[in-house]
């Protein structure tokens, strides 16, 4: 991680643990908002008006949090308004790196080799992890926001008439969306990481059961024939669920020891996954090679770095 703007040690997936040896996720530090008129958002300061070509996304295709923003950018028709750079899938000793791996990019915007250089540039005294996604302001040359949940909502409503596509956070569904998000995030989205990065048996036993209880609840929710998690309307909850589900059998089932069942064993969720993949542009945000190479290269969970040949995925 960075301490006072300087890289201090080799990258490790777990840097903070609870009293049981469980994985604790870092809170995002940059929380400004893009708004149509540049007014302040729910957090942070004002001064980030919506302008085509001004903002840039730094993402990794292995990462579900970053992929949330890519899906929203596609569905809201913001590809021309917001440019993107993709980091390499394999984590280095200095964390995320730009480079020439197929499907990755060099940082032609800022000339960085590692993502952490952008954090130090935005805040020379920054202490913390350098994570994706990063929403970058080309004009002010700083990080607007590195919290995927915030960026997802900005892409939905922060760009005004520049955006199109479905309203991912409709007023009449907000209470229901917030409630389901609050269930999915700790038990599924972050639950797979709590299981995969657990450093004791006790720290693993609880989240792995929570992961499958959450999958069971989603399977039951979809059993009434609804198209998406909130009925016939595709919302941000579907994006949040999708990015974890699409990685489940290829990464979390094996590398993260979430192996009570496969996603393929859930007929409703399997069908739902294929419906989301069929939405225009969504499949383009999924790179199975990056996902597989990235997760199976994490030495803390796969010390020898052997990437398995499977699984064979029907939807792929």
Protein backbone atom coordinates (compact mmCIF):
# COMPACT_ATOMS: atom_id res chain seq x y z
CA UNK A 1 0.00 0.00 0.00
CA UNK A 2 0.93 3.65 -0.13
CA UNK A 3 2.06 5.45 3.03
CA UNK A 4 2.36 9.23 2.74
CA UNK A 5 2.30 8.91 -1.03
CA UNK A 6 5.13 6.34 -1.25
CA UNK A 7 4.89 2.63 -2.08
CA UNK A 8 6.01 0.67 0.97
CA UNK A 9 5.96 -3.09 0.40
CA UNK A 10 4.98 -5.91 -1.93
CA UNK A 11 1.27 -6.06 -2.70
CA UNK A 12 -0.82 -8.31 -0.45
CA UNK A 13 -4.56 -9.01 -0.82
CA UNK A 14 -5.17 -8.83 2.94
CA UNK A 15 -3.81 -5.82 4.78
CA UNK A 16 -6.40 -5.43 7.53
CA UNK A 17 -7.91 -8.35 9.47
CA UNK A 18 -10.57 -8.60 12.17
CA UNK A 19 -10.12 -10.41 15.46
CA UNK A 20 -10.97 -13.77 13.80
CA UNK A 21 -8.44 -13.34 10.99
CA UNK A 22 -11.10 -12.25 8.53
CA UNK A 23 -10.64 -9.97 5.52
CA UNK A 24 -11.62 -6.32 6.06
CA UNK A 25 -12.16 -4.19 2.95
CA UNK A 26 -10.68 -0.71 2.83
CA UNK A 27 -13.08 2.24 2.71
CA UNK A 28 -12.76 4.30 -0.46
CA UNK A 29 -11.06 7.67 0.02
CA UNK A 30 -11.96 9.84 -2.98
CA UNK A 31 -15.68 10.60 -2.87
CA UNK A 32 -16.41 13.60 -5.10
CA UNK A 33 -19.34 13.48 -7.52
CA UNK A 34 -19.89 14.49 -11.13
CA UNK A 35 -23.20 16.35 -11.41
CA UNK A 36 -24.91 18.00 -14.40
CA UNK A 37 -24.16 21.52 -13.10
CA UNK A 38 -21.01 20.83 -11.07
CA UNK A 39 -22.75 21.20 -7.71
CA UNK A 40 -21.57 19.06 -4.82
CA UNK A 41 -22.94 15.54 -4.58
CA UNK A 42 -23.82 13.51 -1.46
CA UNK A 43 -20.12 13.50 -0.45
CA UNK A 44 -17.02 15.44 -1.39
CA UNK A 45 -16.72 18.90 -2.89
CA UNK A 46 -18.24 20.72 -5.86
CA UNK A 47 -16.47 21.53 -9.13
CA UNK A 48 -16.93 18.40 -11.26
CA UNK A 49 -19.52 19.32 -13.91
CA UNK A 50 -20.62 16.78 -16.50
CA UNK A 51 -18.64 17.41 -19.69
CA UNK A 52 -18.11 15.04 -22.60
CA UNK A 53 -14.47 14.00 -22.90
CA UNK A 54 -13.40 15.38 -19.54
CA UNK A 55 -13.47 12.17 -17.48
CA UNK A 56 -11.61 8.88 -17.75
CA UNK A 57 -12.13 5.47 -16.14
CA UNK A 58 -9.24 3.28 -15.03
CA UNK A 59 -10.44 -0.31 -14.68
CA UNK A 60 -9.28 -3.92 -14.48
CA UNK A 61 -11.39 -6.55 -16.23
CA UNK A 62 -10.68 -9.07 -13.48
CA UNK A 63 -12.32 -6.79 -10.91
CA UNK A 64 -16.09 -6.95 -10.27
CA UNK A 65 -16.14 -3.49 -8.69
CA UNK A 66 -14.55 -1.94 -11.78
CA UNK A 67 -16.80 -3.98 -14.06
CA UNK A 68 -19.85 -2.41 -12.43
CA UNK A 69 -18.79 0.90 -13.95
CA UNK A 70 -18.09 -0.61 -17.38
CA UNK A 71 -21.57 -2.15 -17.55
CA UNK A 72 -23.20 1.14 -16.54
CA UNK A 73 -21.10 3.10 -19.06
CA UNK A 74 -22.28 0.75 -21.81
CA UNK A 75 -25.95 0.73 -20.85
CA UNK A 76 -26.10 4.51 -20.40
CA UNK A 77 -24.51 5.19 -23.79
CA UNK A 78 -21.53 7.04 -22.34
CA UNK A 79 -18.72 5.33 -24.28
CA UNK A 80 -17.97 8.48 -26.29
CA UNK A 81 -18.23 10.78 -23.27
CA UNK A 82 -15.95 8.80 -20.92
CA UNK A 83 -12.71 7.20 -22.09
CA UNK A 84 -11.28 4.03 -20.51
CA UNK A 85 -7.91 2.42 -19.76
CA UNK A 86 -7.63 -1.26 -18.80
CA UNK A 87 -4.92 -2.49 -16.42
CA UNK A 88 -3.21 -5.86 -16.72
CA UNK A 89 -4.98 -8.75 -14.96
CA UNK A 90 -2.04 -10.13 -12.97
CA UNK A 91 -1.21 -8.20 -9.82
CA UNK A 92 2.46 -7.24 -9.47
CA UNK A 93 4.56 -6.50 -6.39
CA UNK A 94 3.48 -2.87 -6.86
CA UNK A 95 -0.17 -3.67 -7.46
CA UNK A 96 -2.09 -2.86 -10.63
CA UNK A 97 0.13 -2.25 -13.66
CA UNK A 98 -0.42 -0.86 -17.14
CA UNK A 99 1.12 -2.84 -19.96
CA UNK A 100 0.88 -4.94 -23.09
CA UNK A 101 -1.06 -8.00 -21.89
CA UNK A 102 -3.76 -8.74 -24.51
CA UNK A 103 -6.77 -6.61 -23.72
CA UNK A 104 -4.83 -4.22 -21.45
CA UNK A 105 -3.55 -0.71 -22.14
CA UNK A 106 -0.62 1.56 -21.56
CA UNK A 107 -1.46 4.74 -19.65
CA UNK A 108 -1.29 7.20 -22.53
CA UNK A 109 -3.18 9.81 -20.51
CA UNK A 110 -0.81 10.23 -17.56
CA UNK A 111 2.16 8.05 -18.45
CA UNK A 112 1.95 5.95 -15.30
CA UNK A 113 3.38 2.44 -15.06
CA UNK A 114 1.45 1.52 -11.90
CA UNK A 115 -1.97 2.63 -10.73
CA UNK A 116 -0.56 3.79 -7.39
CA UNK A 117 1.28 6.58 -9.21
CA UNK A 118 -2.07 8.18 -10.02
CA UNK A 119 -3.07 8.08 -6.36
CA UNK A 120 0.17 9.80 -5.36
CA UNK A 121 -0.34 12.35 -8.11
CA UNK A 122 -3.86 13.14 -6.91
CA UNK A 123 -2.79 13.28 -3.26
CA UNK A 124 0.98 13.36 -2.54
CA UNK A 125 0.29 12.40 1.08
CA UNK A 126 -2.14 9.55 0.33
CA UNK A 127 -2.05 6.55 2.65
CA UNK A 128 -4.00 3.45 1.62
CA UNK A 129 -4.49 0.92 -1.15
CA UNK A 130 -4.55 1.85 -4.84
CA UNK A 131 -7.75 0.24 -6.06
CA UNK A 132 -9.90 0.17 -9.19
CA UNK A 133 -12.11 1.64 -10.46
CA UNK A 134 -10.71 5.16 -10.61
CA UNK A 135 -12.74 7.97 -12.13
CA UNK A 136 -10.21 10.60 -13.24
CA UNK A 137 -10.69 14.26 -14.11
CA UNK A 138 -8.45 15.14 -17.07
CA UNK A 139 -8.92 18.89 -16.52
CA UNK A 140 -8.08 19.07 -12.81
CA UNK A 141 -5.74 16.06 -13.08
CA UNK A 142 -7.08 14.37 -10.02
CA UNK A 143 -9.21 11.45 -8.87
CA UNK A 144 -12.89 12.28 -8.69
CA UNK A 145 -13.99 9.05 -7.05
CA UNK A 146 -12.75 5.50 -6.44
CA UNK A 147 -15.93 4.02 -4.95
CA UNK A 148 -17.73 1.84 -7.49
CA UNK A 149 -21.16 2.29 -5.89
CA UNK A 150 -20.84 6.08 -6.22
CA UNK A 151 -19.55 5.89 -9.79
CA UNK A 152 -22.42 3.58 -10.75
CA UNK A 153 -24.94 6.20 -9.62
CA UNK A 154 -22.99 9.04 -11.23
CA UNK A 155 -23.08 7.25 -14.57
CA UNK A 156 -26.82 6.78 -14.15
CA UNK A 157 -27.76 10.39 -13.38
CA UNK A 158 -24.70 12.63 -13.19
CA UNK A 159 -24.29 13.22 -16.92
CA UNK A 160 -27.78 14.54 -17.62
CA UNK A 161 -28.86 14.51 -21.25
CA UNK A 162 -25.56 12.98 -22.37
CA UNK A 163 -26.73 9.64 -20.97
CA UNK A 164 -29.43 7.40 -22.36
CA UNK A 165 -30.62 3.87 -21.64
CA UNK A 166 -32.50 2.57 -18.61
CA UNK A 167 -32.84 4.44 -15.33
CA UNK A 168 -30.80 2.17 -13.08
CA UNK A 169 -32.07 3.76 -9.86
CA UNK A 170 -35.73 4.70 -10.47
CA UNK A 171 -37.39 6.71 -7.71
CA UNK A 172 -40.25 4.27 -7.17
CA UNK A 173 -37.88 1.33 -6.62
CA UNK A 174 -35.20 3.00 -4.54
CA UNK A 175 -36.24 1.59 -1.18
CA UNK A 176 -36.42 -1.94 -2.63
CA UNK A 177 -33.11 -1.48 -4.49
CA UNK A 178 -31.34 -0.22 -1.37
CA UNK A 179 -32.67 -3.10 0.72
CA UNK A 180 -31.57 -5.80 -1.73
CA UNK A 181 -28.20 -4.08 -2.27
CA UNK A 182 -27.69 -4.16 1.49
CA UNK A 183 -28.25 -7.92 1.47
CA UNK A 184 -26.19 -8.73 -1.62
CA UNK A 185 -23.11 -6.66 -0.79
CA UNK A 186 -21.95 -8.21 2.53
CA UNK A 187 -23.16 -11.74 1.87
CA UNK A 188 -22.33 -12.21 -1.83
CA UNK A 189 -20.28 -9.40 -3.44
CA UNK A 190 -17.91 -9.09 -0.50
CA UNK A 191 -18.78 -12.48 0.96
CA UNK A 192 -16.73 -14.33 -1.66
CA UNK A 193 -13.70 -12.20 -0.73
CA UNK A 194 -14.25 -12.77 2.98
CA UNK A 195 -14.21 -16.51 2.28
CA UNK A 196 -11.34 -16.41 -0.21
CA UNK A 197 -9.04 -14.18 1.83
CA UNK A 198 -9.82 -15.67 5.25
CA UNK A 199 -6.65 -16.44 7.19
CA UNK A 200 -8.22 -18.81 9.73
CA UNK A 201 -10.77 -21.61 9.55
CA UNK A 202 -13.11 -19.65 11.79
CA UNK A 203 -12.91 -16.62 9.51
CA UNK A 204 -13.77 -18.81 6.50
CA UNK A 205 -16.61 -20.92 7.90
CA UNK A 206 -19.10 -18.08 8.37
CA UNK A 207 -18.84 -16.20 5.05
CA UNK A 208 -18.85 -19.30 2.86
CA UNK A 209 -22.24 -20.28 4.28
CA UNK A 210 -23.47 -16.69 3.86
CA UNK A 211 -22.45 -16.74 0.19
CA UNK A 212 -24.60 -19.77 -0.57
CA UNK A 213 -27.49 -18.57 1.57
CA UNK A 214 -27.46 -15.38 -0.53
CA UNK A 215 -27.42 -17.40 -3.76
CA UNK A 216 -30.32 -19.47 -2.45
CA UNK A 217 -32.32 -16.30 -1.74
CA UNK A 218 -31.67 -14.93 -5.23
CA UNK A 219 -32.61 -18.27 -6.79
CA UNK A 220 -35.89 -18.19 -4.88
CA UNK A 221 -36.51 -14.56 -5.83
CA UNK A 222 -36.21 -15.39 -9.52
CA UNK A 223 -38.41 -18.48 -9.30
CA UNK A 224 -41.60 -16.46 -9.82
CA UNK A 225 -40.68 -15.86 -13.46
CA UNK A 226 -39.44 -12.29 -13.14
CA UNK A 227 -36.87 -11.19 -15.71
CA UNK A 228 -34.60 -9.24 -13.38
CA UNK A 229 -34.20 -8.93 -9.62
CA UNK A 230 -36.78 -6.15 -9.34
CA UNK A 231 -39.20 -7.46 -11.94
CA UNK A 232 -39.13 -6.41 -15.57
CA UNK A 233 -36.86 -3.39 -14.98
CA UNK A 234 -33.09 -3.74 -15.08
CA UNK A 235 -31.53 -1.77 -12.21
CA UNK A 236 -28.22 -1.20 -10.48
CA UNK A 237 -28.94 -4.22 -8.26
CA UNK A 238 -28.74 -6.42 -11.35
CA UNK A 239 -25.32 -4.95 -12.18
CA UNK A 240 -24.11 -5.54 -8.62
CA UNK A 241 -25.28 -9.17 -8.70
CA UNK A 242 -24.16 -9.87 -12.26
CA UNK A 243 -20.49 -8.96 -11.79
CA UNK A 244 -20.17 -11.51 -8.99
CA UNK A 245 -22.24 -14.22 -10.67
CA UNK A 246 -20.29 -14.07 -13.93
CA UNK A 247 -17.06 -14.73 -12.00
CA UNK A 248 -18.44 -17.40 -9.71
CA UNK A 249 -17.67 -20.71 -11.41
CA UNK A 250 -14.45 -19.56 -13.05
CA UNK A 251 -12.89 -17.93 -9.98
CA UNK A 252 -14.73 -17.95 -6.67
CA UNK A 253 -15.75 -21.62 -6.73
CA UNK A 254 -12.13 -22.80 -6.94
CA UNK A 255 -9.68 -20.04 -6.05
CA UNK A 256 -11.81 -18.66 -3.22
CA UNK A 257 -13.05 -22.05 -1.92
CA UNK A 258 -16.72 -21.15 -2.44
CA UNK A 259 -17.36 -24.71 -3.56
CA UNK A 260 -20.52 -25.97 -1.89
CA UNK A 261 -22.25 -25.59 -5.26
CA UNK A 262 -21.55 -24.07 -8.66
CA UNK A 263 -23.61 -21.31 -10.17
CA UNK A 264 -24.43 -23.87 -12.87
CA UNK A 265 -26.31 -25.79 -10.17
CA UNK A 266 -28.79 -22.90 -9.86
CA UNK A 267 -31.17 -23.02 -12.85
CA UNK A 268 -32.84 -19.67 -12.18
CA UNK A 269 -29.57 -17.83 -11.65
CA UNK A 270 -28.02 -19.50 -14.69
CA UNK A 271 -30.87 -18.31 -16.88
CA UNK A 272 -30.73 -14.86 -15.32
CA UNK A 273 -27.00 -14.63 -16.03
CA UNK A 274 -27.59 -15.35 -19.70
CA UNK A 275 -30.37 -12.74 -19.89
CA UNK A 276 -28.04 -10.08 -18.53
CA UNK A 277 -25.23 -11.14 -20.88
CA UNK A 278 -27.66 -10.74 -23.78
CA UNK A 279 -28.21 -7.03 -23.04
CA UNK A 280 -26.46 -4.85 -25.66
CA UNK A 281 -22.83 -4.27 -24.71
CA UNK A 282 -22.78 -6.24 -21.47
CA UNK A 283 -20.89 -9.26 -22.80
CA UNK A 284 -18.17 -6.88 -24.06
CA UNK A 285 -17.37 -5.99 -20.44
CA UNK A 286 -16.56 -9.62 -19.57
CA UNK A 287 -13.08 -10.96 -20.32
CA UNK A 288 -12.80 -14.55 -19.08
CA UNK A 289 -9.07 -14.70 -19.74
CA UNK A 290 -8.42 -11.64 -17.55
CA UNK A 291 -10.70 -13.01 -14.84
CA UNK A 292 -9.05 -16.42 -14.80
CA UNK A 293 -5.46 -15.15 -15.04
CA UNK A 294 -6.06 -12.50 -12.41
CA UNK A 295 -7.67 -14.55 -9.66
CA UNK A 296 -5.53 -17.65 -10.09
CA UNK A 297 -2.32 -15.57 -10.01
CA UNK A 298 -2.97 -14.35 -6.45
CA UNK A 299 -0.21 -16.10 -4.51
CA UNK A 300 -2.08 -15.93 -1.21
CA UNK A 301 -4.74 -18.27 -2.60
CA UNK A 302 -2.72 -20.13 -5.28
CA UNK A 303 0.98 -20.15 -4.31
CA UNK A 304 2.21 -22.03 -7.39
CA UNK A 305 0.30 -19.85 -9.83
CA UNK A 306 -1.06 -22.80 -11.84
CA UNK A 307 -4.07 -21.66 -13.87
CA UNK A 308 -6.64 -24.47 -14.25
CA UNK A 309 -7.87 -25.54 -17.69
CA UNK A 310 -11.55 -25.37 -16.76
CA UNK A 311 -14.31 -24.97 -16.10
CA UNK A 312 -16.28 -25.33 -19.31
CA UNK A 313 -19.05 -22.74 -19.13
CA UNK A 314 -22.18 -23.23 -21.21
CA UNK A 315 -22.86 -19.51 -21.48
CA UNK A 316 -19.31 -18.72 -22.61
